[in-house]
Amino acid sequence: MAIKEIIKYEADSGEIYGMVIDPARAAASGTQPAGDVSSRMKVKISKTNREFGLRPRGVRLSRVVGTGDDQFRKYSFLPVVTQVAYDSAGFAIGGTITIDGTQWTVSTKLAEDY
């Protein structure tokens, strides 16, 4: 079973929520906001459109797996915990982010959604 931790996420509204995420992704998602959690609701990283809750802003990551004719592209989502980090060069499209020793390329930026 994967180990998870609760980190803080600052919404566009300024409220701070808790978010459950694995430690490697938590380290790559930016510096957590200062202050205490102000809402009991947790951010849902894999929320569908039919679920109630907050889907965090973040970046879609991609990388090529395999060699030669057996190559395919793998995708992942990384939440970004503050708007300041989201706007920084570290999360720019085309930039690279390393998660748990694996290098990913930022392919898309996704806005926060309720």
PDB file of N, CA and C in Angstrom:
ATOM      1  N   MET A   1       0.841  -1.182   0.000  1.00  0.00           N
ATOM      2  CA  MET A   1       0.000   0.000   0.000  1.00  0.00           C
ATOM      3  C   MET A   1       0.882   1.240   0.000  1.00  0.00           C
ATOM      4  N   ALA A   2       0.563   2.192  -0.830  1.00  0.00           N
ATOM      5  CA  ALA A   2       1.357   3.414  -0.961  1.00  0.00           C
ATOM      6  C   ALA A   2       1.180   4.310   0.264  1.00  0.00           C
ATOM      7  N   ILE A   3       2.243   4.962   0.643  1.00  0.00           N
ATOM      8  CA  ILE A   3       2.192   5.910   1.758  1.00  0.00           C
ATOM      9  C   ILE A   3       1.700   7.245   1.223  1.00  0.00           C
ATOM     10  N   LYS A   4       0.771   7.850   1.930  1.00  0.00           N
ATOM     11  CA  LYS A   4       0.229   9.159   1.551  1.00  0.00           C
ATOM     12  C   LYS A   4       0.447  10.130   2.697  1.00  0.00           C
ATOM     13  N   GLU A   5       0.422  11.412   2.387  1.00  0.00           N
ATOM     14  CA  GLU A   5       0.497  12.434   3.416  1.00  0.00           C
ATOM     15  C   GLU A   5      -0.494  13.545   3.092  1.00  0.00           C
ATOM     16  N   ILE A   6      -0.842  14.320   4.080  1.00  0.00           N
ATOM     17  CA  ILE A   6      -1.749  15.449   3.876  1.00  0.00           C
ATOM     18  C   ILE A   6      -0.918  16.719   3.834  1.00  0.00           C
ATOM     19  N   ILE A   7      -1.040  17.460   2.732  1.00  0.00           N
ATOM     20  CA  ILE A   7      -0.346  18.734   2.591  1.00  0.00           C
ATOM     21  C   ILE A   7      -1.379  19.840   2.430  1.00  0.00           C
ATOM     22  N   LYS A   8      -0.936  21.090   2.470  1.00  0.00           N
ATOM     23  CA  LYS A   8      -1.842  22.228   2.329  1.00  0.00           C
ATOM     24  C   LYS A   8      -1.869  22.706   0.883  1.00  0.00           C
ATOM     25  N   TYR A   9      -3.058  23.102   0.435  1.00  0.00           N
ATOM     26  CA  TYR A   9      -3.300  23.610  -0.912  1.00  0.00           C
ATOM     27  C   TYR A   9      -4.051  24.933  -0.784  1.00  0.00           C
ATOM     28  N   GLU A  10      -3.528  25.989  -1.423  1.00  0.00           N
ATOM     29  CA  GLU A  10      -4.192  27.293  -1.394  1.00  0.00           C
ATOM     30  C   GLU A  10      -5.026  27.475  -2.655  1.00  0.00           C
ATOM     31  N   ALA A  11      -6.334  27.588  -2.477  1.00  0.00           N
ATOM     32  CA  ALA A  11      -7.250  27.757  -3.604  1.00  0.00           C
ATOM     33  C   ALA A  11      -7.146  29.167  -4.171  1.00  0.00           C
ATOM     34  N   ASP A  12      -7.698  29.367  -5.353  1.00  0.00           N
ATOM     35  CA  ASP A  12      -7.710  30.692  -5.975  1.00  0.00           C
ATOM     36  C   ASP A  12      -8.431  31.704  -5.090  1.00  0.00           C
ATOM     37  N   SER A  13      -9.378  31.240  -4.275  1.00  0.00           N
ATOM     38  CA  SER A  13     -10.142  32.111  -3.377  1.00  0.00           C
ATOM     39  C   SER A  13      -9.331  32.540  -2.153  1.00  0.00           C
ATOM     40  N   GLY A  14      -8.180  31.893  -1.912  1.00  0.00           N
ATOM     41  CA  GLY A  14      -7.362  32.198  -0.754  1.00  0.00           C
ATOM     42  C   GLY A  14      -7.554  31.228   0.401  1.00  0.00           C
ATOM     43  N   GLU A  15      -8.612  30.413   0.340  1.00  0.00           N
ATOM     44  CA  GLU A  15      -8.826  29.413   1.384  1.00  0.00           C
ATOM     45  C   GLU A  15      -7.757  28.335   1.283  1.00  0.00           C
ATOM     46  N   ILE A  16      -7.414  27.748   2.421  1.00  0.00           N
ATOM     47  CA  ILE A  16      -6.413  26.687   2.444  1.00  0.00           C
ATOM     48  C   ILE A  16      -7.109  25.373   2.788  1.00  0.00           C
ATOM     49  N   TYR A  17      -6.875  24.378   1.939  1.00  0.00           N
ATOM     50  CA  TYR A  17      -7.488  23.057   2.078  1.00  0.00           C
ATOM     51  C   TYR A  17      -6.404  22.018   2.330  1.00  0.00           C
ATOM     52  N   GLY A  18      -6.807  20.876   2.850  1.00  0.00           N
ATOM     53  CA  GLY A  18      -5.913  19.736   2.944  1.00  0.00           C
ATOM     54  C   GLY A  18      -6.005  18.926   1.659  1.00  0.00           C
ATOM     55  N   MET A  19      -4.902  18.269   1.297  1.00  0.00           N
ATOM     56  CA  MET A  19      -4.887  17.455   0.084  1.00  0.00           C
ATOM     57  C   MET A  19      -4.057  16.205   0.374  1.00  0.00           C
ATOM     58  N   VAL A  20      -4.594  15.047   0.068  1.00  0.00           N
ATOM     59  CA  VAL A  20      -3.897  13.782   0.285  1.00  0.00           C
ATOM     60  C   VAL A  20      -3.107  13.447  -0.980  1.00  0.00           C
ATOM     61  N   ILE A  21      -1.802  13.204  -0.799  1.00  0.00           N
ATOM     62  CA  ILE A  21      -0.920  12.984  -1.945  1.00  0.00           C
ATOM     63  C   ILE A  21       0.286  12.165  -1.495  1.00  0.00           C
ATOM     64  N   ASP A  22       0.942  11.466  -2.416  1.00  0.00           N
ATOM     65  CA  ASP A  22       2.121  10.701  -2.021  1.00  0.00           C
ATOM     66  C   ASP A  22       3.318  11.649  -1.850  1.00  0.00           C
ATOM     67  N   PRO A  23       4.287  11.284  -1.003  1.00  0.00           N
ATOM     68  CA  PRO A  23       5.389  12.181  -0.668  1.00  0.00           C
ATOM     69  C   PRO A  23       6.227  12.662  -1.859  1.00  0.00           C
ATOM     70  N   ALA A  24       6.464  11.816  -2.853  1.00  0.00           N
ATOM     71  CA  ALA A  24       7.270  12.220  -4.003  1.00  0.00           C
ATOM     72  C   ALA A  24       6.573  13.334  -4.801  1.00  0.00           C
ATOM     73  N   ARG A  25       5.269  13.219  -4.974  1.00  0.00           N
ATOM     74  CA  ARG A  25       4.514  14.256  -5.687  1.00  0.00           C
ATOM     75  C   ARG A  25       4.364  15.509  -4.828  1.00  0.00           C
ATOM     76  N   ALA A  26       4.250  15.326  -3.509  1.00  0.00           N
ATOM     77  CA  ALA A  26       4.161  16.480  -2.608  1.00  0.00           C
ATOM     78  C   ALA A  26       5.416  17.336  -2.725  1.00  0.00           C
ATOM     79  N   ALA A  27       6.574  16.690  -2.805  1.00  0.00           N
ATOM     80  CA  ALA A  27       7.835  17.419  -2.913  1.00  0.00           C
ATOM     81  C   ALA A  27       7.936  18.197  -4.225  1.00  0.00           C
ATOM     82  N   ALA A  28       7.319  17.687  -5.287  1.00  0.00           N
ATOM     83  CA  ALA A  28       7.395  18.333  -6.597  1.00  0.00           C
ATOM     84  C   ALA A  28       6.295  19.363  -6.829  1.00  0.00           C
ATOM     85  N   SER A  29       5.297  19.440  -5.947  1.00  0.00           N
ATOM     86  CA  SER A  29       4.124  20.287  -6.192  1.00  0.00           C
ATOM     87  C   SER A  29       4.273  21.731  -5.714  1.00  0.00           C
ATOM     88  N   GLY A  30       5.450  22.106  -5.262  1.00  0.00           N
ATOM     89  CA  GLY A  30       5.694  23.485  -4.839  1.00  0.00           C
ATOM     90  C   GLY A  30       5.697  23.616  -3.325  1.00  0.00           C
ATOM     91  N   THR A  31       6.079  24.798  -2.856  1.00  0.00           N
ATOM     92  CA  THR A  31       6.133  25.084  -1.424  1.00  0.00           C
ATOM     93  C   THR A  31       4.724  25.284  -0.887  1.00  0.00           C
ATOM     94  N   GLN A  32       4.396  24.603   0.194  1.00  0.00           N
ATOM     95  CA  GLN A  32       3.058  24.705   0.768  1.00  0.00           C
ATOM     96  C   GLN A  32       2.794  26.123   1.272  1.00  0.00           C
ATOM     97  N   PRO A  33       1.539  26.556   1.211  1.00  0.00           N
ATOM     98  CA  PRO A  33       1.194  27.900   1.689  1.00  0.00           C
ATOM     99  C   PRO A  33       1.337  28.012   3.206  1.00  0.00           C
ATOM    100  N   ALA A  34       1.608  29.230   3.656  1.00  0.00           N
ATOM    101  CA  ALA A  34       1.673  29.491   5.101  1.00  0.00           C
ATOM    102  C   ALA A  34       0.242  29.562   5.631  1.00  0.00           C
ATOM    103  N   GLY A  35       0.087  29.338   6.895  1.00  0.00           N
ATOM    104  CA  GLY A  35      -1.238  29.426   7.497  1.00  0.00           C
ATOM    105  C   GLY A  35      -1.837  28.065   7.749  1.00  0.00           C
ATOM    106  N   ASP A  36      -2.941  28.088   8.463  1.00  0.00           N
ATOM    107  CA  ASP A  36      -3.636  26.862   8.827  1.00  0.00           C
ATOM    108  C   ASP A  36      -4.701  26.512   7.798  1.00  0.00           C
ATOM    109  N   VAL A  37      -5.075  25.251   7.779  1.00  0.00           N
ATOM    110  CA  VAL A  37      -6.162  24.798   6.911  1.00  0.00           C
ATOM    111  C   VAL A  37      -7.450  25.486   7.372  1.00  0.00           C
ATOM    112  N   SER A  38      -8.169  26.111   6.416  1.00  0.00           N
ATOM    113  CA  SER A  38      -9.365  26.881   6.765  1.00  0.00           C
ATOM    114  C   SER A  38     -10.664  26.203   6.348  1.00  0.00           C
ATOM    115  N   SER A  39     -10.576  25.029   5.732  1.00  0.00           N
ATOM    116  CA  SER A  39     -11.776  24.315   5.310  1.00  0.00           C
ATOM    117  C   SER A  39     -11.611  22.830   5.611  1.00  0.00           C
ATOM    118  N   ARG A  40     -12.692  22.204   6.045  1.00  0.00           N
ATOM    119  CA  ARG A  40     -12.654  20.766   6.329  1.00  0.00           C
ATOM    120  C   ARG A  40     -12.703  19.939   5.049  1.00  0.00           C
ATOM    121  N   MET A  41     -13.147  20.536   3.955  1.00  0.00           N
ATOM    122  CA  MET A  41     -13.226  19.816   2.692  1.00  0.00           C
ATOM    123  C   MET A  41     -11.815  19.537   2.175  1.00  0.00           C
ATOM    124  N   LYS A  42     -11.588  18.336   1.668  1.00  0.00           N
ATOM    125  CA  LYS A  42     -10.300  17.978   1.084  1.00  0.00           C
ATOM    126  C   LYS A  42     -10.345  18.194  -0.426  1.00  0.00           C
ATOM    127  N   VAL A  43      -9.219  18.566  -0.988  1.00  0.00           N
ATOM    128  CA  VAL A  43      -9.088  18.704  -2.440  1.00  0.00           C
ATOM    129  C   VAL A  43      -9.086  17.307  -3.040  1.00  0.00           C
ATOM    130  N   LYS A  44      -9.810  17.122  -4.152  1.00  0.00           N
ATOM    131  CA  LYS A  44      -9.890  15.813  -4.815  1.00  0.00           C
ATOM    132  C   LYS A  44      -9.080  15.853  -6.100  1.00  0.00           C
ATOM    133  N   ILE A  45      -7.935  15.206  -6.086  1.00  0.00           N
ATOM    134  CA  ILE A  45      -7.031  15.252  -7.235  1.00  0.00           C
ATOM    135  C   ILE A  45      -7.636  14.537  -8.439  1.00  0.00           C
ATOM    136  N   SER A  46      -8.336  13.441  -8.235  1.00  0.00           N
ATOM    137  CA  SER A  46      -8.883  12.676  -9.357  1.00  0.00           C
ATOM    138  C   SER A  46     -10.399  12.819  -9.455  1.00  0.00           C
ATOM    139  N   LYS A  47     -10.916  13.987  -9.127  1.00  0.00           N
ATOM    140  CA  LYS A  47     -12.361  14.241  -9.132  1.00  0.00           C
ATOM    141  C   LYS A  47     -12.921  14.170 -10.554  1.00  0.00           C
ATOM    142  N   THR A  48     -14.073  13.532 -10.678  1.00  0.00           N
ATOM    143  CA  THR A  48     -14.772  13.545 -11.956  1.00  0.00           C
ATOM    144  C   THR A  48     -15.716  14.743 -11.987  1.00  0.00           C
ATOM    145  N   ASN A  49     -16.271  15.046 -13.132  1.00  0.00           N
ATOM    146  CA  ASN A  49     -17.182  16.180 -13.255  1.00  0.00           C
ATOM    147  C   ASN A  49     -18.482  15.995 -12.485  1.00  0.00           C
ATOM    148  N   ARG A  50     -18.829  14.774 -12.139  1.00  0.00           N
ATOM    149  CA  ARG A  50     -20.074  14.517 -11.414  1.00  0.00           C
ATOM    150  C   ARG A  50     -19.912  14.596  -9.900  1.00  0.00           C
ATOM    151  N   GLU A  51     -18.686  14.651  -9.428  1.00  0.00           N
ATOM    152  CA  GLU A  51     -18.440  14.702  -7.994  1.00  0.00           C
ATOM    153  C   GLU A  51     -18.424  16.137  -7.492  1.00  0.00           C
ATOM    154  N   PHE A  52     -18.833  16.314  -6.228  1.00  0.00           N
ATOM    155  CA  PHE A  52     -18.758  17.616  -5.589  1.00  0.00           C
ATOM    156  C   PHE A  52     -17.363  17.766  -4.992  1.00  0.00           C
ATOM    157  N   GLY A  53     -16.793  18.934  -5.122  1.00  0.00           N
ATOM    158  CA  GLY A  53     -15.491  19.177  -4.512  1.00  0.00           C
ATOM    159  C   GLY A  53     -14.630  20.072  -5.368  1.00  0.00           C
ATOM    160  N   LEU A  54     -13.423  20.256  -4.928  1.00  0.00           N
ATOM    161  CA  LEU A  54     -12.467  21.131  -5.590  1.00  0.00           C
ATOM    162  C   LEU A  54     -11.414  20.297  -6.299  1.00  0.00           C
ATOM    163  N   ARG A  55     -11.285  20.507  -7.594  1.00  0.00           N
ATOM    164  CA  ARG A  55     -10.213  19.878  -8.360  1.00  0.00           C
ATOM    165  C   ARG A  55      -9.087  20.907  -8.434  1.00  0.00           C
ATOM    166  N   PRO A  56      -7.879  20.560  -8.010  1.00  0.00           N
ATOM    167  CA  PRO A  56      -6.809  21.552  -7.910  1.00  0.00           C
ATOM    168  C   PRO A  56      -6.237  21.982  -9.256  1.00  0.00           C
ATOM    169  N   ARG A  57      -5.655  23.196  -9.248  1.00  0.00           N
ATOM    170  CA  ARG A  57      -4.900  23.626 -10.427  1.00  0.00           C
ATOM    171  C   ARG A  57      -3.680  22.728 -10.516  1.00  0.00           C
ATOM    172  N   GLY A  58      -3.124  22.596 -11.690  1.00  0.00           N
ATOM    173  CA  GLY A  58      -1.935  21.752 -11.800  1.00  0.00           C
ATOM    174  C   GLY A  58      -1.426  21.682 -13.221  1.00  0.00           C
ATOM    175  N   VAL A  59      -0.527  20.754 -13.428  1.00  0.00           N
ATOM    176  CA  VAL A  59       0.069  20.564 -14.750  1.00  0.00           C
ATOM    177  C   VAL A  59      -0.084  19.110 -15.175  1.00  0.00           C
ATOM    178  N   ARG A  60      -0.323  18.919 -16.463  1.00  0.00           N
ATOM    179  CA  ARG A  60      -0.335  17.569 -17.024  1.00  0.00           C
ATOM    180  C   ARG A  60       1.090  17.296 -17.493  1.00  0.00           C
ATOM    181  N   LEU A  61       1.610  16.171 -17.072  1.00  0.00           N
ATOM    182  CA  LEU A  61       2.979  15.788 -17.387  1.00  0.00           C
ATOM    183  C   LEU A  61       2.976  14.647 -18.389  1.00  0.00           C
ATOM    184  N   SER A  62       4.022  14.582 -19.203  1.00  0.00           N
ATOM    185  CA  SER A  62       4.134  13.470 -20.147  1.00  0.00           C
ATOM    186  C   SER A  62       5.594  13.029 -20.245  1.00  0.00           C
ATOM    187  N   ARG A  63       5.772  11.789 -20.662  1.00  0.00           N
ATOM    188  CA  ARG A  63       7.112  11.270 -20.927  1.00  0.00           C
ATOM    189  C   ARG A  63       6.993  10.120 -21.913  1.00  0.00           C
ATOM    190  N   VAL A  64       8.066   9.879 -22.646  1.00  0.00           N
ATOM    191  CA  VAL A  64       8.102   8.793 -23.614  1.00  0.00           C
ATOM    192  C   VAL A  64       8.675   7.564 -22.928  1.00  0.00           C
ATOM    193  N   VAL A  65       8.000   6.445 -23.117  1.00  0.00           N
ATOM    194  CA  VAL A  65       8.412   5.176 -22.519  1.00  0.00           C
ATOM    195  C   VAL A  65       8.694   4.200 -23.650  1.00  0.00           C
ATOM    196  N   GLY A  66       9.741   3.425 -23.513  1.00  0.00           N
ATOM    197  CA  GLY A  66      10.082   2.421 -24.516  1.00  0.00           C
ATOM    198  C   GLY A  66      11.136   2.914 -25.480  1.00  0.00           C
ATOM    199  N   THR A  67      11.489   2.054 -26.428  1.00  0.00           N
ATOM    200  CA  THR A  67      12.509   2.390 -27.421  1.00  0.00           C
ATOM    201  C   THR A  67      12.038   1.985 -28.810  1.00  0.00           C
ATOM    202  N   GLY A  68      12.595   2.646 -29.805  1.00  0.00           N
ATOM    203  CA  GLY A  68      12.317   2.308 -31.202  1.00  0.00           C
ATOM    204  C   GLY A  68      10.843   2.322 -31.540  1.00  0.00           C
ATOM    205  N   ASP A  69      10.375   1.238 -32.157  1.00  0.00           N
ATOM    206  CA  ASP A  69       8.974   1.125 -32.565  1.00  0.00           C
ATOM    207  C   ASP A  69       8.027   0.865 -31.398  1.00  0.00           C
ATOM    208  N   ASP A  70       8.564   0.539 -30.244  1.00  0.00           N
ATOM    209  CA  ASP A  70       7.735   0.227 -29.079  1.00  0.00           C
ATOM    210  C   ASP A  70       7.555   1.426 -28.151  1.00  0.00           C
ATOM    211  N   GLN A  71       7.682   2.624 -28.673  1.00  0.00           N
ATOM    212  CA  GLN A  71       7.516   3.819 -27.841  1.00  0.00           C
ATOM    213  C   GLN A  71       6.047   4.193 -27.686  1.00  0.00           C
ATOM    214  N   PHE A  72       5.711   4.682 -26.515  1.00  0.00           N
ATOM    215  CA  PHE A  72       4.398   5.271 -26.291  1.00  0.00           C
ATOM    216  C   PHE A  72       4.546   6.381 -25.268  1.00  0.00           C
ATOM    217  N   ARG A  73       3.566   7.233 -25.199  1.00  0.00           N
ATOM    218  CA  ARG A  73       3.607   8.383 -24.299  1.00  0.00           C
ATOM    219  C   ARG A  73       2.761   8.088 -23.067  1.00  0.00           C
ATOM    220  N   LYS A  74       3.304   8.370 -21.894  1.00  0.00           N
ATOM    221  CA  LYS A  74       2.618   8.170 -20.631  1.00  0.00           C
ATOM    222  C   LYS A  74       2.308   9.540 -20.044  1.00  0.00           C
ATOM    223  N   TYR A  75       1.128   9.687 -19.422  1.00  0.00           N
ATOM    224  CA  TYR A  75       0.691  10.969 -18.868  1.00  0.00           C
ATOM    225  C   TYR A  75       0.412  10.858 -17.378  1.00  0.00           C
ATOM    226  N   SER A  76       0.556  11.987 -16.688  1.00  0.00           N
ATOM    227  CA  SER A  76       0.268  12.049 -15.265  1.00  0.00           C
ATOM    228  C   SER A  76      -0.159  13.477 -14.928  1.00  0.00           C
ATOM    229  N   PHE A  77      -0.775  13.649 -13.762  1.00  0.00           N
ATOM    230  CA  PHE A  77      -1.199  14.976 -13.307  1.00  0.00           C
ATOM    231  C   PHE A  77      -0.474  15.311 -12.018  1.00  0.00           C
ATOM    232  N   LEU A  78       0.008  16.548 -11.910  1.00  0.00           N
ATOM    233  CA  LEU A  78       0.670  17.018 -10.698  1.00  0.00           C
ATOM    234  C   LEU A  78      -0.025  18.285 -10.227  1.00  0.00           C
ATOM    235  N   PRO A  79      -0.656  18.260  -9.051  1.00  0.00           N
ATOM    236  CA  PRO A  79      -1.262  19.486  -8.518  1.00  0.00           C
ATOM    237  C   PRO A  79      -0.167  20.475  -8.117  1.00  0.00           C
ATOM    238  N   VAL A  80      -0.471  21.764  -8.231  1.00  0.00           N
ATOM    239  CA  VAL A  80       0.465  22.817  -7.823  1.00  0.00           C
ATOM    240  C   VAL A  80      -0.202  23.568  -6.677  1.00  0.00           C
ATOM    241  N   VAL A  81       0.458  23.608  -5.508  1.00  0.00           N
ATOM    242  CA  VAL A  81      -0.207  24.012  -4.274  1.00  0.00           C
ATOM    243  C   VAL A  81      -0.470  25.510  -4.112  1.00  0.00           C
ATOM    244  N   THR A  82       0.209  26.382  -4.861  1.00  0.00           N
ATOM    245  CA  THR A  82      -0.074  27.823  -4.786  1.00  0.00           C
ATOM    246  C   THR A  82      -0.112  28.418  -6.182  1.00  0.00           C
ATOM    247  N   GLN A  83      -0.834  29.525  -6.314  1.00  0.00           N
ATOM    248  CA  GLN A  83      -0.901  30.226  -7.602  1.00  0.00           C
ATOM    249  C   GLN A  83       0.464  30.792  -7.981  1.00  0.00           C
ATOM    250  N   VAL A  84       1.222  31.256  -6.996  1.00  0.00           N
ATOM    251  CA  VAL A  84       2.564  31.801  -7.257  1.00  0.00           C
ATOM    252  C   VAL A  84       3.452  30.739  -7.892  1.00  0.00           C
ATOM    253  N   ALA A  85       3.436  29.527  -7.362  1.00  0.00           N
ATOM    254  CA  ALA A  85       4.222  28.438  -7.938  1.00  0.00           C
ATOM    255  C   ALA A  85       3.721  28.089  -9.338  1.00  0.00           C
ATOM    256  N   TYR A  86       2.402  28.062  -9.515  1.00  0.00           N
ATOM    257  CA  TYR A  86       1.789  27.742 -10.811  1.00  0.00           C
ATOM    258  C   TYR A  86       2.246  28.718 -11.893  1.00  0.00           C
ATOM    259  N   ASP A  87       2.388  29.998 -11.525  1.00  0.00           N
ATOM    260  CA  ASP A  87       2.810  31.034 -12.471  1.00  0.00           C
ATOM    261  C   ASP A  87       4.318  31.084 -12.674  1.00  0.00           C
ATOM    262  N   SER A  88       5.084  30.349 -11.880  1.00  0.00           N
ATOM    263  CA  SER A  88       6.543  30.411 -11.954  1.00  0.00           C
ATOM    264  C   SER A  88       7.088  29.617 -13.143  1.00  0.00           C
ATOM    265  N   ALA A  89       8.358  29.885 -13.450  1.00  0.00           N
ATOM    266  CA  ALA A  89       9.022  29.205 -14.564  1.00  0.00           C
ATOM    267  C   ALA A  89       9.180  27.704 -14.306  1.00  0.00           C
ATOM    268  N   GLY A  90       9.166  27.291 -13.054  1.00  0.00           N
ATOM    269  CA  GLY A  90       9.320  25.874 -12.725  1.00  0.00           C
ATOM    270  C   GLY A  90       8.187  24.994 -13.233  1.00  0.00           C
ATOM    271  N   PHE A  91       7.024  25.593 -13.505  1.00  0.00           N
ATOM    272  CA  PHE A  91       5.870  24.847 -14.006  1.00  0.00           C
ATOM    273  C   PHE A  91       5.448  25.320 -15.402  1.00  0.00           C
ATOM    274  N   ALA A  92       6.372  25.910 -16.151  1.00  0.00           N
ATOM    275  CA  ALA A  92       6.076  26.403 -17.500  1.00  0.00           C
ATOM    276  C   ALA A  92       5.930  25.238 -18.477  1.00  0.00           C
ATOM    277  N   ILE A  93       5.088  25.420 -19.478  1.00  0.00           N
ATOM    278  CA  ILE A  93       4.912  24.398 -20.508  1.00  0.00           C
ATOM    279  C   ILE A  93       6.248  24.171 -21.210  1.00  0.00           C
ATOM    280  N   GLY A  94       6.618  22.909 -21.365  1.00  0.00           N
ATOM    281  CA  GLY A  94       7.894  22.541 -21.971  1.00  0.00           C
ATOM    282  C   GLY A  94       8.995  22.325 -20.947  1.00  0.00           C
ATOM    283  N   GLY A  95       8.769  22.763 -19.707  1.00  0.00           N
ATOM    284  CA  GLY A  95       9.750  22.560 -18.642  1.00  0.00           C
ATOM    285  C   GLY A  95       9.758  21.117 -18.177  1.00  0.00           C
ATOM    286  N   THR A  96      10.766  20.766 -17.407  1.00  0.00           N
ATOM    287  CA  THR A  96      10.855  19.401 -16.901  1.00  0.00           C
ATOM    288  C   THR A  96      10.738  19.384 -15.378  1.00  0.00           C
ATOM    289  N   ILE A  97      10.126  18.338 -14.878  1.00  0.00           N
ATOM    290  CA  ILE A  97       9.931  18.123 -13.445  1.00  0.00           C
ATOM    291  C   ILE A  97      10.317  16.677 -13.155  1.00  0.00           C
ATOM    292  N   THR A  98      11.107  16.490 -12.104  1.00  0.00           N
ATOM    293  CA  THR A  98      11.517  15.143 -11.709  1.00  0.00           C
ATOM    294  C   THR A  98      10.709  14.704 -10.496  1.00  0.00           C
ATOM    295  N   ILE A  99      10.065  13.560 -10.628  1.00  0.00           N
ATOM    296  CA  ILE A  99       9.276  12.982  -9.540  1.00  0.00           C
ATOM    297  C   ILE A  99       9.814  11.587  -9.268  1.00  0.00           C
ATOM    298  N   ASP A 100      10.317  11.392  -8.065  1.00  0.00           N
ATOM    299  CA  ASP A 100      10.819  10.087  -7.641  1.00  0.00           C
ATOM    300  C   ASP A 100      11.852   9.534  -8.624  1.00  0.00           C
ATOM    301  N   GLY A 101      12.743  10.399  -9.129  1.00  0.00           N
ATOM    302  CA  GLY A 101      13.807   9.986 -10.026  1.00  0.00           C
ATOM    303  C   GLY A 101      13.422   9.881 -11.492  1.00  0.00           C
ATOM    304  N   THR A 102      12.158  10.120 -11.829  1.00  0.00           N
ATOM    305  CA  THR A 102      11.687  10.038 -13.211  1.00  0.00           C
ATOM    306  C   THR A 102      11.441  11.443 -13.744  1.00  0.00           C
ATOM    307  N   GLN A 103      11.993  11.729 -14.916  1.00  0.00           N
ATOM    308  CA  GLN A 103      11.842  13.060 -15.500  1.00  0.00           C
ATOM    309  C   GLN A 103      10.594  13.128 -16.381  1.00  0.00           C
ATOM    310  N   TRP A 104       9.783  14.162 -16.138  1.00  0.00           N
ATOM    311  CA  TRP A 104       8.545  14.408 -16.879  1.00  0.00           C
ATOM    312  C   TRP A 104       8.617  15.771 -17.552  1.00  0.00           C
ATOM    313  N   THR A 105       7.880  15.952 -18.633  1.00  0.00           N
ATOM    314  CA  THR A 105       7.781  17.241 -19.326  1.00  0.00           C
ATOM    315  C   THR A 105       6.386  17.814 -19.108  1.00  0.00           C
ATOM    316  N   VAL A 106       6.313  19.099 -18.789  1.00  0.00           N
ATOM    317  CA  VAL A 106       5.022  19.762 -18.607  1.00  0.00           C
ATOM    318  C   VAL A 106       4.402  19.960 -19.990  1.00  0.00           C
ATOM    319  N   SER A 107       3.237  19.358 -20.219  1.00  0.00           N
ATOM    320  CA  SER A 107       2.601  19.455 -21.538  1.00  0.00           C
ATOM    321  C   SER A 107       1.405  20.407 -21.547  1.00  0.00           C
ATOM    322  N   THR A 108       0.720  20.555 -20.402  1.00  0.00           N
ATOM    323  CA  THR A 108      -0.472  21.398 -20.318  1.00  0.00           C
ATOM    324  C   THR A 108      -0.611  21.942 -18.902  1.00  0.00           C
ATOM    325  N   LYS A 109      -1.154  23.153 -18.784  1.00  0.00           N
ATOM    326  CA  LYS A 109      -1.483  23.709 -17.473  1.00  0.00           C
ATOM    327  C   LYS A 109      -2.993  23.691 -17.335  1.00  0.00           C
ATOM    328  N   LEU A 110      -3.491  23.231 -16.193  1.00  0.00           N
ATOM    329  CA  LEU A 110      -4.920  23.100 -15.975  1.00  0.00           C
ATOM    330  C   LEU A 110      -5.356  23.971 -14.793  1.00  0.00           C
ATOM    331  N   ALA A 111      -6.400  24.735 -15.000  1.00  0.00           N
ATOM    332  CA  ALA A 111      -6.912  25.637 -13.965  1.00  0.00           C
ATOM    333  C   ALA A 111      -7.706  24.875 -12.910  1.00  0.00           C
ATOM    334  N   GLU A 112      -7.872  25.504 -11.774  1.00  0.00           N
ATOM    335  CA  GLU A 112      -8.684  24.967 -10.681  1.00  0.00           C
ATOM    336  C   GLU A 112     -10.153  24.884 -11.123  1.00  0.00           C
ATOM    337  N   ASP A 113     -10.863  23.897 -10.594  1.00  0.00           N
ATOM    338  CA  ASP A 113     -12.248  23.698 -10.995  1.00  0.00           C
ATOM    339  C   ASP A 113     -13.071  23.181  -9.822  1.00  0.00           C
ATOM    340  N   TYR A 114     -14.297  23.671  -9.693  1.00  0.00           N
ATOM    341  CA  TYR A 114     -15.212  23.184  -8.646  1.00  0.00           C
ATOM    342  C   TYR A 114     -16.187  22.210  -9.239  1.00  0.00           C
TER     343      TYR A 114
END
